[in-house]
Amino acid sequence: MSQTKRLTANQKMEIVREAAEGVSTAVLSERFGVSQRAIQYTLKADAERQKDTAVATAAVTVKLTPDELEALDAVFSAAGIETRTEGLRRLIQAAGGTFVPDTQLAAQMARYRTSLQEVGNGVAQLTKRMAEANRTGQGAAEFSDLRLAQMRGLARFILDSADEIDLLVRRRRDAMQLEATAALREFAHAAE
């Protein structure tokens, strides 16, 4: 049984760099002593990593008149956007329907919502076990109907809070999409 050679992190970076320069998978496979499939997996994993970490890999150049550039800077400044790069990135994202300038906030809210759901599910499971203990007579003194009702109320509150956070984030994103779309329309009409 042959052993599979494992690539080091440096070798993987070199494979990605050379593949970007046009070196074929067959050549890379032979050079690094691994299968072509291993080279393809390495390249795919790097592409997914770049996508997941939102690594910027392409540049866009736009030529504007001095008046257009001044108007663009004014819009970005009024929106609190510090750089043209960030402003243009947001406008491009808005055109694709994915305008979320507060990506960090959205990620934090998503984690918070997930945590709340886990707590809510835990409380719901605990409530079920308490009710079962009451039915079987194992916990009649410890788990009164009032306590069960309180636990159910807590679980409902936590799950409702998670849903409200999700709704809040969606509404904020939708409102920002509308603002971005309006800004894009202004730019389009100003160019005419």
N, C-alpha and C. Protein backbone atom coordinates (compact mmCIF):
# COMPACT_ATOMS: atom_id res chain seq x y z
N MET A 1 0.85 -1.18 0.00
CA MET A 1 0.00 0.00 0.00
C MET A 1 0.89 1.24 0.00
N SER A 2 0.72 2.12 -0.98
CA SER A 2 1.56 3.32 -1.07
C SER A 2 1.06 4.40 -0.13
N GLN A 3 2.01 5.17 0.38
CA GLN A 3 1.66 6.26 1.28
C GLN A 3 1.40 7.52 0.46
N THR A 4 0.44 8.30 0.92
CA THR A 4 0.12 9.55 0.24
C THR A 4 1.00 10.65 0.80
N LYS A 5 1.64 11.37 -0.09
CA LYS A 5 2.51 12.47 0.34
C LYS A 5 1.65 13.65 0.74
N ARG A 6 1.98 14.25 1.89
CA ARG A 6 1.26 15.43 2.36
C ARG A 6 2.06 16.67 1.99
N LEU A 7 1.35 17.65 1.46
CA LEU A 7 1.98 18.91 1.08
C LEU A 7 2.10 19.82 2.29
N THR A 8 3.20 20.53 2.38
CA THR A 8 3.37 21.51 3.45
C THR A 8 2.64 22.79 3.05
N ALA A 9 2.45 23.66 4.01
CA ALA A 9 1.79 24.94 3.73
C ALA A 9 2.57 25.74 2.70
N ASN A 10 3.90 25.71 2.79
CA ASN A 10 4.73 26.44 1.82
C ASN A 10 4.58 25.85 0.42
N GLN A 11 4.50 24.53 0.34
CA GLN A 11 4.32 23.90 -0.97
C GLN A 11 2.97 24.27 -1.55
N LYS A 12 1.94 24.29 -0.71
CA LYS A 12 0.60 24.66 -1.19
C LYS A 12 0.60 26.09 -1.72
N MET A 13 1.27 27.00 -1.00
CA MET A 13 1.33 28.39 -1.46
C MET A 13 2.08 28.47 -2.80
N GLU A 14 3.12 27.69 -2.93
CA GLU A 14 3.89 27.69 -4.17
C GLU A 14 3.05 27.14 -5.33
N ILE A 15 2.26 26.10 -5.05
CA ILE A 15 1.39 25.52 -6.08
C ILE A 15 0.37 26.57 -6.54
N VAL A 16 -0.25 27.26 -5.59
CA VAL A 16 -1.24 28.29 -5.93
C VAL A 16 -0.59 29.40 -6.76
N ARG A 17 0.58 29.84 -6.35
CA ARG A 17 1.27 30.92 -7.06
C ARG A 17 1.63 30.48 -8.49
N GLU A 18 2.19 29.28 -8.63
CA GLU A 18 2.60 28.82 -9.95
C GLU A 18 1.39 28.54 -10.85
N ALA A 19 0.32 28.02 -10.27
CA ALA A 19 -0.89 27.78 -11.07
C ALA A 19 -1.44 29.10 -11.58
N ALA A 20 -1.37 30.15 -10.77
CA ALA A 20 -1.84 31.47 -11.19
C ALA A 20 -0.98 32.01 -12.33
N GLU A 21 0.26 31.57 -12.39
CA GLU A 21 1.16 32.00 -13.46
C GLU A 21 1.00 31.14 -14.72
N GLY A 22 0.11 30.13 -14.66
CA GLY A 22 -0.19 29.34 -15.85
C GLY A 22 0.44 27.97 -15.90
N VAL A 23 1.12 27.54 -14.84
CA VAL A 23 1.73 26.22 -14.84
C VAL A 23 0.60 25.18 -14.72
N SER A 24 0.66 24.14 -15.55
CA SER A 24 -0.42 23.15 -15.58
C SER A 24 -0.39 22.24 -14.35
N THR A 25 -1.55 21.62 -14.07
CA THR A 25 -1.64 20.70 -12.94
C THR A 25 -0.75 19.48 -13.15
N ALA A 26 -0.58 19.07 -14.41
CA ALA A 26 0.28 17.92 -14.70
C ALA A 26 1.73 18.22 -14.31
N VAL A 27 2.19 19.39 -14.67
CA VAL A 27 3.56 19.78 -14.36
C VAL A 27 3.73 19.92 -12.84
N LEU A 28 2.76 20.55 -12.19
CA LEU A 28 2.82 20.73 -10.74
C LEU A 28 2.77 19.38 -10.03
N SER A 29 1.96 18.48 -10.54
CA SER A 29 1.83 17.15 -9.97
C SER A 29 3.17 16.42 -9.99
N GLU A 30 3.83 16.47 -11.12
CA GLU A 30 5.12 15.80 -11.26
C GLU A 30 6.18 16.46 -10.38
N ARG A 31 6.19 17.78 -10.36
CA ARG A 31 7.20 18.52 -9.60
C ARG A 31 7.10 18.28 -8.10
N PHE A 32 5.85 18.22 -7.58
CA PHE A 32 5.67 18.08 -6.14
C PHE A 32 5.45 16.63 -5.71
N GLY A 33 5.39 15.70 -6.67
CA GLY A 33 5.28 14.28 -6.35
C GLY A 33 3.94 13.87 -5.78
N VAL A 34 2.89 14.54 -6.24
CA VAL A 34 1.53 14.19 -5.80
C VAL A 34 0.65 14.03 -7.04
N SER A 35 -0.54 13.53 -6.82
CA SER A 35 -1.45 13.32 -7.95
C SER A 35 -1.99 14.66 -8.46
N GLN A 36 -2.49 14.65 -9.68
CA GLN A 36 -3.11 15.85 -10.24
C GLN A 36 -4.34 16.23 -9.43
N ARG A 37 -5.02 15.22 -8.92
CA ARG A 37 -6.20 15.48 -8.08
C ARG A 37 -5.79 16.25 -6.82
N ALA A 38 -4.64 15.90 -6.23
CA ALA A 38 -4.16 16.62 -5.04
C ALA A 38 -3.88 18.08 -5.38
N ILE A 39 -3.36 18.33 -6.55
CA ILE A 39 -3.11 19.71 -7.00
C ILE A 39 -4.44 20.43 -7.16
N GLN A 40 -5.41 19.77 -7.79
CA GLN A 40 -6.73 20.39 -7.99
C GLN A 40 -7.41 20.68 -6.66
N TYR A 41 -7.31 19.76 -5.70
CA TYR A 41 -7.90 20.00 -4.37
C TYR A 41 -7.22 21.18 -3.68
N THR A 42 -5.91 21.28 -3.84
CA THR A 42 -5.16 22.39 -3.24
C THR A 42 -5.64 23.72 -3.81
N LEU A 43 -5.80 23.77 -5.13
CA LEU A 43 -6.25 25.00 -5.78
C LEU A 43 -7.69 25.33 -5.39
N LYS A 44 -8.53 24.31 -5.31
CA LYS A 44 -9.93 24.52 -4.93
C LYS A 44 -10.01 25.01 -3.48
N ALA A 45 -9.24 24.41 -2.60
CA ALA A 45 -9.25 24.82 -1.18
C ALA A 45 -8.80 26.27 -1.04
N ASP A 46 -7.80 26.68 -1.83
CA ASP A 46 -7.34 28.06 -1.76
C ASP A 46 -8.41 29.02 -2.29
N ALA A 47 -9.08 28.63 -3.36
CA ALA A 47 -10.15 29.49 -3.91
C ALA A 47 -11.28 29.64 -2.90
N GLU A 48 -11.64 28.56 -2.22
CA GLU A 48 -12.70 28.63 -1.20
C GLU A 48 -12.26 29.47 -0.01
N ARG A 49 -10.98 29.35 0.37
CA ARG A 49 -10.46 30.16 1.48
C ARG A 49 -10.54 31.64 1.14
N GLN A 50 -10.15 31.98 -0.08
CA GLN A 50 -10.22 33.39 -0.49
C GLN A 50 -11.65 33.88 -0.51
N LYS A 51 -12.55 33.04 -0.97
CA LYS A 51 -13.97 33.43 -1.00
C LYS A 51 -14.51 33.60 0.41
N ASP A 52 -14.20 32.66 1.30
CA ASP A 52 -14.69 32.71 2.68
C ASP A 52 -14.14 33.90 3.45
N THR A 53 -12.90 34.28 3.18
CA THR A 53 -12.29 35.40 3.91
C THR A 53 -12.45 36.71 3.17
N ALA A 54 -13.16 36.69 2.05
CA ALA A 54 -13.41 37.88 1.24
C ALA A 54 -12.11 38.59 0.84
N VAL A 55 -11.15 37.79 0.39
CA VAL A 55 -9.89 38.36 -0.06
C VAL A 55 -10.12 39.03 -1.41
N ALA A 56 -9.77 40.31 -1.50
CA ALA A 56 -9.93 41.03 -2.76
C ALA A 56 -8.83 40.59 -3.72
N THR A 57 -9.24 40.09 -4.89
CA THR A 57 -8.26 39.58 -5.85
C THR A 57 -8.34 40.26 -7.21
N ALA A 58 -9.26 41.20 -7.37
CA ALA A 58 -9.41 41.87 -8.66
C ALA A 58 -9.52 43.38 -8.45
N ALA A 59 -9.11 44.12 -9.45
CA ALA A 59 -9.18 45.58 -9.38
C ALA A 59 -10.09 46.10 -10.49
N VAL A 60 -10.77 47.19 -10.20
CA VAL A 60 -11.65 47.85 -11.17
C VAL A 60 -11.16 49.28 -11.31
N THR A 61 -11.02 49.74 -12.55
CA THR A 61 -10.59 51.11 -12.79
C THR A 61 -11.73 51.87 -13.44
N VAL A 62 -12.01 53.06 -12.94
CA VAL A 62 -13.08 53.89 -13.47
C VAL A 62 -12.51 55.29 -13.73
N LYS A 63 -12.76 55.81 -14.92
CA LYS A 63 -12.33 57.17 -15.23
C LYS A 63 -13.53 58.10 -15.09
N LEU A 64 -13.34 59.19 -14.34
CA LEU A 64 -14.40 60.16 -14.10
C LEU A 64 -13.90 61.56 -14.42
N THR A 65 -14.85 62.43 -14.70
CA THR A 65 -14.50 63.84 -14.85
C THR A 65 -14.26 64.39 -13.45
N PRO A 66 -13.57 65.53 -13.34
CA PRO A 66 -13.35 66.12 -12.01
C PRO A 66 -14.67 66.41 -11.27
N ASP A 67 -15.71 66.85 -12.00
CA ASP A 67 -17.00 67.11 -11.36
C ASP A 67 -17.64 65.82 -10.84
N GLU A 68 -17.57 64.75 -11.62
CA GLU A 68 -18.12 63.47 -11.19
C GLU A 68 -17.39 62.95 -9.95
N LEU A 69 -16.05 63.11 -9.96
CA LEU A 69 -15.26 62.64 -8.83
C LEU A 69 -15.60 63.44 -7.57
N GLU A 70 -15.79 64.73 -7.72
CA GLU A 70 -16.16 65.58 -6.58
C GLU A 70 -17.53 65.18 -6.03
N ALA A 71 -18.47 64.90 -6.93
CA ALA A 71 -19.81 64.47 -6.50
C ALA A 71 -19.74 63.11 -5.80
N LEU A 72 -18.93 62.22 -6.33
CA LEU A 72 -18.77 60.90 -5.73
C LEU A 72 -18.18 61.03 -4.33
N ASP A 73 -17.13 61.82 -4.19
CA ASP A 73 -16.50 62.03 -2.87
C ASP A 73 -17.49 62.63 -1.88
N ALA A 74 -18.34 63.55 -2.34
CA ALA A 74 -19.33 64.18 -1.46
C ALA A 74 -20.34 63.15 -0.95
N VAL A 75 -20.79 62.27 -1.85
CA VAL A 75 -21.75 61.23 -1.44
C VAL A 75 -21.10 60.28 -0.44
N PHE A 76 -19.87 59.88 -0.72
CA PHE A 76 -19.18 58.97 0.20
C PHE A 76 -18.96 59.64 1.56
N SER A 77 -18.55 60.87 1.54
CA SER A 77 -18.30 61.61 2.78
C SER A 77 -19.58 61.74 3.61
N ALA A 78 -20.69 62.07 2.95
CA ALA A 78 -21.97 62.21 3.65
C ALA A 78 -22.42 60.88 4.26
N ALA A 79 -22.03 59.77 3.64
CA ALA A 79 -22.40 58.45 4.14
C ALA A 79 -21.41 57.93 5.17
N GLY A 80 -20.35 58.71 5.45
CA GLY A 80 -19.36 58.27 6.44
C GLY A 80 -18.38 57.24 5.90
N ILE A 81 -18.28 57.16 4.59
CA ILE A 81 -17.36 56.21 3.95
C ILE A 81 -16.03 56.93 3.76
N GLU A 82 -14.97 56.35 4.31
CA GLU A 82 -13.69 57.05 4.35
C GLU A 82 -12.86 56.96 3.08
N THR A 83 -13.00 55.87 2.33
CA THR A 83 -12.16 55.73 1.14
C THR A 83 -13.02 55.47 -0.10
N ARG A 84 -12.49 55.86 -1.24
CA ARG A 84 -13.19 55.59 -2.51
C ARG A 84 -13.29 54.09 -2.76
N THR A 85 -12.25 53.37 -2.39
CA THR A 85 -12.25 51.92 -2.58
C THR A 85 -13.43 51.28 -1.86
N GLU A 86 -13.60 51.64 -0.59
CA GLU A 86 -14.70 51.08 0.19
C GLU A 86 -16.05 51.51 -0.40
N GLY A 87 -16.15 52.78 -0.79
CA GLY A 87 -17.40 53.28 -1.36
C GLY A 87 -17.77 52.57 -2.65
N LEU A 88 -16.80 52.41 -3.53
CA LEU A 88 -17.06 51.72 -4.79
C LEU A 88 -17.38 50.25 -4.56
N ARG A 89 -16.67 49.64 -3.61
CA ARG A 89 -16.97 48.24 -3.29
C ARG A 89 -18.41 48.10 -2.84
N ARG A 90 -18.87 49.03 -2.00
CA ARG A 90 -20.25 48.97 -1.52
C ARG A 90 -21.25 49.19 -2.65
N LEU A 91 -20.95 50.11 -3.55
CA LEU A 91 -21.85 50.34 -4.67
C LEU A 91 -21.92 49.12 -5.60
N ILE A 92 -20.78 48.49 -5.83
CA ILE A 92 -20.76 47.29 -6.67
C ILE A 92 -21.56 46.18 -6.00
N GLN A 93 -21.38 46.03 -4.69
CA GLN A 93 -22.14 45.00 -3.96
C GLN A 93 -23.63 45.31 -4.01
N ALA A 94 -23.97 46.59 -3.93
CA ALA A 94 -25.39 46.97 -3.95
C ALA A 94 -26.01 46.58 -5.29
N ALA A 95 -25.25 46.73 -6.34
CA ALA A 95 -25.77 46.39 -7.66
C ALA A 95 -26.09 44.90 -7.76
N GLY A 96 -25.36 44.09 -6.99
CA GLY A 96 -25.61 42.65 -7.00
C GLY A 96 -26.62 42.20 -5.97
N GLY A 97 -27.16 43.14 -5.21
CA GLY A 97 -28.16 42.80 -4.20
C GLY A 97 -27.59 42.25 -2.91
N THR A 98 -26.31 42.46 -2.67
CA THR A 98 -25.71 41.93 -1.45
C THR A 98 -25.13 43.03 -0.59
N PHE A 99 -25.72 44.20 -0.62
CA PHE A 99 -25.18 45.35 0.11
C PHE A 99 -25.34 45.17 1.61
N VAL A 100 -24.24 44.90 2.26
CA VAL A 100 -24.21 44.78 3.71
C VAL A 100 -22.93 45.44 4.21
N PRO A 101 -22.94 46.78 4.38
CA PRO A 101 -21.71 47.44 4.79
C PRO A 101 -21.27 47.08 6.20
N ASP A 102 -22.22 46.70 7.04
CA ASP A 102 -21.88 46.32 8.40
C ASP A 102 -21.74 44.81 8.50
N THR A 103 -20.81 44.26 7.75
CA THR A 103 -20.66 42.81 7.73
C THR A 103 -20.25 42.28 9.09
N GLN A 104 -19.42 43.03 9.80
CA GLN A 104 -19.00 42.59 11.13
C GLN A 104 -20.19 42.56 12.08
N LEU A 105 -21.03 43.60 12.03
CA LEU A 105 -22.23 43.64 12.87
C LEU A 105 -23.16 42.49 12.51
N ALA A 106 -23.35 42.27 11.22
CA ALA A 106 -24.23 41.19 10.78
C ALA A 106 -23.72 39.84 11.27
N ALA A 107 -22.40 39.62 11.20
CA ALA A 107 -21.82 38.36 11.67
C ALA A 107 -22.00 38.20 13.18
N GLN A 108 -21.79 39.28 13.92
CA GLN A 108 -21.97 39.22 15.37
C GLN A 108 -23.43 38.92 15.72
N MET A 109 -24.35 39.56 15.01
CA MET A 109 -25.77 39.34 15.28
C MET A 109 -26.16 37.90 14.93
N ALA A 110 -25.59 37.37 13.87
CA ALA A 110 -25.89 35.99 13.50
C ALA A 110 -25.39 35.03 14.58
N ARG A 111 -24.18 35.29 15.11
CA ARG A 111 -23.66 34.45 16.19
C ARG A 111 -24.53 34.58 17.43
N TYR A 112 -24.98 35.81 17.74
CA TYR A 112 -25.83 36.05 18.90
C TYR A 112 -27.16 35.32 18.74
N ARG A 113 -27.72 35.39 17.55
CA ARG A 113 -28.99 34.70 17.27
C ARG A 113 -28.82 33.20 17.44
N THR A 114 -27.73 32.64 16.93
CA THR A 114 -27.47 31.21 17.06
C THR A 114 -27.33 30.82 18.53
N SER A 115 -26.60 31.64 19.29
CA SER A 115 -26.44 31.36 20.72
C SER A 115 -27.77 31.38 21.43
N LEU A 116 -28.60 32.38 21.10
CA LEU A 116 -29.92 32.45 21.74
C LEU A 116 -30.76 31.23 21.39
N GLN A 117 -30.69 30.79 20.15
CA GLN A 117 -31.45 29.61 19.76
C GLN A 117 -30.99 28.37 20.52
N GLU A 118 -29.66 28.25 20.71
CA GLU A 118 -29.14 27.11 21.44
C GLU A 118 -29.62 27.14 22.89
N VAL A 119 -29.58 28.32 23.51
CA VAL A 119 -30.06 28.44 24.88
C VAL A 119 -31.55 28.14 24.95
N GLY A 120 -32.31 28.70 24.01
CA GLY A 120 -33.75 28.45 23.97
C GLY A 120 -34.07 26.98 23.81
N ASN A 121 -33.34 26.30 22.93
CA ASN A 121 -33.55 24.87 22.73
C ASN A 121 -33.19 24.09 23.99
N GLY A 122 -32.12 24.51 24.67
CA GLY A 122 -31.73 23.87 25.92
C GLY A 122 -32.80 24.02 26.99
N VAL A 123 -33.34 25.23 27.10
CA VAL A 123 -34.41 25.48 28.07
C VAL A 123 -35.64 24.65 27.71
N ALA A 124 -35.96 24.57 26.43
CA ALA A 124 -37.12 23.78 26.00
C ALA A 124 -36.92 22.30 26.35
N GLN A 125 -35.71 21.78 26.14
CA GLN A 125 -35.43 20.39 26.50
C GLN A 125 -35.53 20.18 28.01
N LEU A 126 -35.02 21.12 28.77
CA LEU A 126 -35.10 21.04 30.23
C LEU A 126 -36.56 21.04 30.68
N THR A 127 -37.37 21.88 30.06
CA THR A 127 -38.79 21.94 30.41
C THR A 127 -39.47 20.61 30.12
N LYS A 128 -39.15 20.00 28.97
CA LYS A 128 -39.73 18.70 28.64
C LYS A 128 -39.36 17.65 29.68
N ARG A 129 -38.09 17.66 30.09
CA ARG A 129 -37.64 16.69 31.09
C ARG A 129 -38.32 16.92 32.44
N MET A 130 -38.51 18.20 32.79
CA MET A 130 -39.20 18.52 34.04
C MET A 130 -40.65 18.03 33.98
N ALA A 131 -41.30 18.25 32.86
CA ALA A 131 -42.69 17.81 32.71
C ALA A 131 -42.77 16.28 32.78
N GLU A 132 -41.82 15.63 32.13
CA GLU A 132 -41.78 14.16 32.17
C GLU A 132 -41.55 13.65 33.59
N ALA A 133 -40.67 14.32 34.32
CA ALA A 133 -40.41 13.94 35.71
C ALA A 133 -41.67 14.12 36.55
N ASN A 134 -42.42 15.16 36.29
CA ASN A 134 -43.68 15.38 37.01
C ASN A 134 -44.69 14.29 36.69
N ARG A 135 -44.78 13.90 35.41
CA ARG A 135 -45.73 12.86 35.01
C ARG A 135 -45.41 11.52 35.66
N THR A 136 -44.12 11.22 35.75
CA THR A 136 -43.73 9.92 36.32
C THR A 136 -43.63 9.96 37.83
N GLY A 137 -43.81 11.14 38.41
CA GLY A 137 -43.78 11.26 39.86
C GLY A 137 -42.38 11.39 40.43
N GLN A 138 -41.38 11.60 39.59
CA GLN A 138 -40.01 11.69 40.08
C GLN A 138 -39.65 13.07 40.61
N GLY A 139 -40.34 14.09 40.19
CA GLY A 139 -39.93 15.43 40.61
C GLY A 139 -41.10 16.30 40.99
N ALA A 140 -42.15 15.73 41.52
CA ALA A 140 -43.36 16.50 41.81
C ALA A 140 -43.09 17.65 42.77
N ALA A 141 -42.24 17.45 43.75
CA ALA A 141 -41.98 18.52 44.72
C ALA A 141 -41.08 19.59 44.12
N GLU A 142 -40.17 19.20 43.25
CA GLU A 142 -39.18 20.15 42.73
C GLU A 142 -39.71 20.96 41.55
N PHE A 143 -40.57 20.39 40.73
CA PHE A 143 -41.01 21.04 39.51
C PHE A 143 -42.52 21.31 39.54
N SER A 144 -42.88 22.40 40.12
CA SER A 144 -44.31 22.75 40.18
C SER A 144 -44.78 23.22 38.80
N ASP A 145 -46.08 23.27 38.63
CA ASP A 145 -46.64 23.75 37.37
C ASP A 145 -46.21 25.19 37.11
N LEU A 146 -46.07 25.98 38.16
CA LEU A 146 -45.62 27.36 38.02
C LEU A 146 -44.20 27.40 37.45
N ARG A 147 -43.33 26.54 38.00
CA ARG A 147 -41.94 26.49 37.50
C ARG A 147 -41.91 26.06 36.04
N LEU A 148 -42.71 25.08 35.69
CA LEU A 148 -42.77 24.64 34.29
C LEU A 148 -43.24 25.77 33.39
N ALA A 149 -44.25 26.49 33.81
CA ALA A 149 -44.76 27.61 33.02
C ALA A 149 -43.69 28.69 32.88
N GLN A 150 -42.93 28.94 33.93
CA GLN A 150 -41.86 29.93 33.88
C GLN A 150 -40.77 29.50 32.89
N MET A 151 -40.42 28.21 32.92
CA MET A 151 -39.39 27.71 32.01
C MET A 151 -39.88 27.79 30.55
N ARG A 152 -41.15 27.45 30.32
CA ARG A 152 -41.70 27.56 28.97
C ARG A 152 -41.68 29.01 28.50
N GLY A 153 -42.04 29.91 29.40
CA GLY A 153 -42.03 31.34 29.07
C GLY A 153 -40.63 31.82 28.73
N LEU A 154 -39.63 31.36 29.49
CA LEU A 154 -38.24 31.73 29.23
C LEU A 154 -37.79 31.20 27.87
N ALA A 155 -38.12 29.96 27.59
CA ALA A 155 -37.74 29.38 26.30
C ALA A 155 -38.38 30.15 25.16
N ARG A 156 -39.67 30.48 25.30
CA ARG A 156 -40.37 31.24 24.26
C ARG A 156 -39.74 32.62 24.08
N PHE A 157 -39.40 33.27 25.20
CA PHE A 157 -38.76 34.59 25.14
C PHE A 157 -37.43 34.53 24.39
N ILE A 158 -36.62 33.54 24.71
CA ILE A 158 -35.31 33.42 24.07
C ILE A 158 -35.46 33.15 22.57
N LEU A 159 -36.33 32.24 22.21
CA LEU A 159 -36.52 31.93 20.78
C LEU A 159 -37.12 33.12 20.04
N ASP A 160 -38.06 33.84 20.67
CA ASP A 160 -38.63 35.03 20.04
C ASP A 160 -37.56 36.11 19.87
N SER A 161 -36.68 36.25 20.86
CA SER A 161 -35.60 37.24 20.76
C SER A 161 -34.69 36.92 19.59
N ALA A 162 -34.36 35.65 19.40
CA ALA A 162 -33.51 35.25 18.28
C ALA A 162 -34.19 35.60 16.96
N ASP A 163 -35.49 35.35 16.86
CA ASP A 163 -36.22 35.67 15.64
C ASP A 163 -36.26 37.18 15.41
N GLU A 164 -36.42 37.96 16.48
CA GLU A 164 -36.45 39.42 16.33
C GLU A 164 -35.09 39.96 15.88
N ILE A 165 -34.01 39.38 16.38
CA ILE A 165 -32.67 39.79 15.94
C ILE A 165 -32.51 39.52 14.46
N ASP A 166 -32.94 38.34 14.03
CA ASP A 166 -32.86 38.00 12.61
C ASP A 166 -33.67 38.99 11.77
N LEU A 167 -34.88 39.31 12.21
CA LEU A 167 -35.72 40.26 11.49
C LEU A 167 -35.08 41.64 11.45
N LEU A 168 -34.48 42.06 12.56
CA LEU A 168 -33.81 43.36 12.63
C LEU A 168 -32.68 43.44 11.61
N VAL A 169 -31.86 42.41 11.56
CA VAL A 169 -30.74 42.40 10.60
C VAL A 169 -31.26 42.42 9.17
N ARG A 170 -32.30 41.65 8.89
CA ARG A 170 -32.86 41.62 7.53
C ARG A 170 -33.43 42.99 7.14
N ARG A 171 -34.16 43.63 8.06
CA ARG A 171 -34.73 44.96 7.76
C ARG A 171 -33.63 45.97 7.52
N ARG A 172 -32.57 45.92 8.33
CA ARG A 172 -31.45 46.86 8.15
C ARG A 172 -30.80 46.65 6.79
N ARG A 173 -30.58 45.39 6.44
CA ARG A 173 -29.97 45.10 5.14
C ARG A 173 -30.85 45.59 4.00
N ASP A 174 -32.16 45.35 4.10
CA ASP A 174 -33.09 45.77 3.06
C ASP A 174 -33.11 47.29 2.92
N ALA A 175 -33.11 48.00 4.06
CA ALA A 175 -33.10 49.46 4.02
C ALA A 175 -31.81 49.97 3.38
N MET A 176 -30.70 49.33 3.68
CA MET A 176 -29.43 49.75 3.10
C MET A 176 -29.40 49.46 1.61
N GLN A 177 -30.03 48.37 1.20
CA GLN A 177 -30.10 48.08 -0.23
C GLN A 177 -30.88 49.17 -0.95
N LEU A 178 -31.98 49.63 -0.35
CA LEU A 178 -32.77 50.69 -0.96
C LEU A 178 -31.96 51.97 -1.08
N GLU A 179 -31.22 52.31 -0.01
CA GLU A 179 -30.37 53.51 -0.05
C GLU A 179 -29.30 53.39 -1.14
N ALA A 180 -28.70 52.23 -1.24
CA ALA A 180 -27.66 52.03 -2.25
C ALA A 180 -28.24 52.11 -3.65
N THR A 181 -29.41 51.52 -3.84
CA THR A 181 -30.06 51.56 -5.15
C THR A 181 -30.39 53.01 -5.53
N ALA A 182 -30.86 53.79 -4.56
CA ALA A 182 -31.16 55.20 -4.82
C ALA A 182 -29.88 55.95 -5.18
N ALA A 183 -28.79 55.65 -4.49
CA ALA A 183 -27.51 56.30 -4.79
C ALA A 183 -27.04 55.94 -6.19
N LEU A 184 -27.20 54.67 -6.56
CA LEU A 184 -26.81 54.25 -7.91
C LEU A 184 -27.64 54.97 -8.97
N ARG A 185 -28.95 55.15 -8.70
CA ARG A 185 -29.81 55.87 -9.64
C ARG A 185 -29.33 57.31 -9.81
N GLU A 186 -28.96 57.93 -8.67
CA GLU A 186 -28.47 59.31 -8.74
C GLU A 186 -27.22 59.39 -9.61
N PHE A 187 -26.31 58.42 -9.43
CA PHE A 187 -25.10 58.42 -10.25
C PHE A 187 -25.44 58.22 -11.71
N ALA A 188 -26.38 57.34 -11.98
CA ALA A 188 -26.76 57.07 -13.37
C ALA A 188 -27.39 58.30 -14.01
N HIS A 189 -28.26 58.99 -13.27
CA HIS A 189 -28.91 60.19 -13.82
C HIS A 189 -27.94 61.35 -13.93
N ALA A 190 -26.99 61.44 -13.03
CA ALA A 190 -26.00 62.52 -13.08
C ALA A 190 -25.09 62.35 -14.30
N ALA A 191 -24.83 61.11 -14.67
CA ALA A 191 -23.98 60.85 -15.83
C ALA A 191 -24.66 61.23 -17.13
N GLU A 192 -26.00 61.20 -17.13
CA GLU A 192 -26.75 61.55 -18.35
C GLU A 192 -26.70 63.03 -18.51
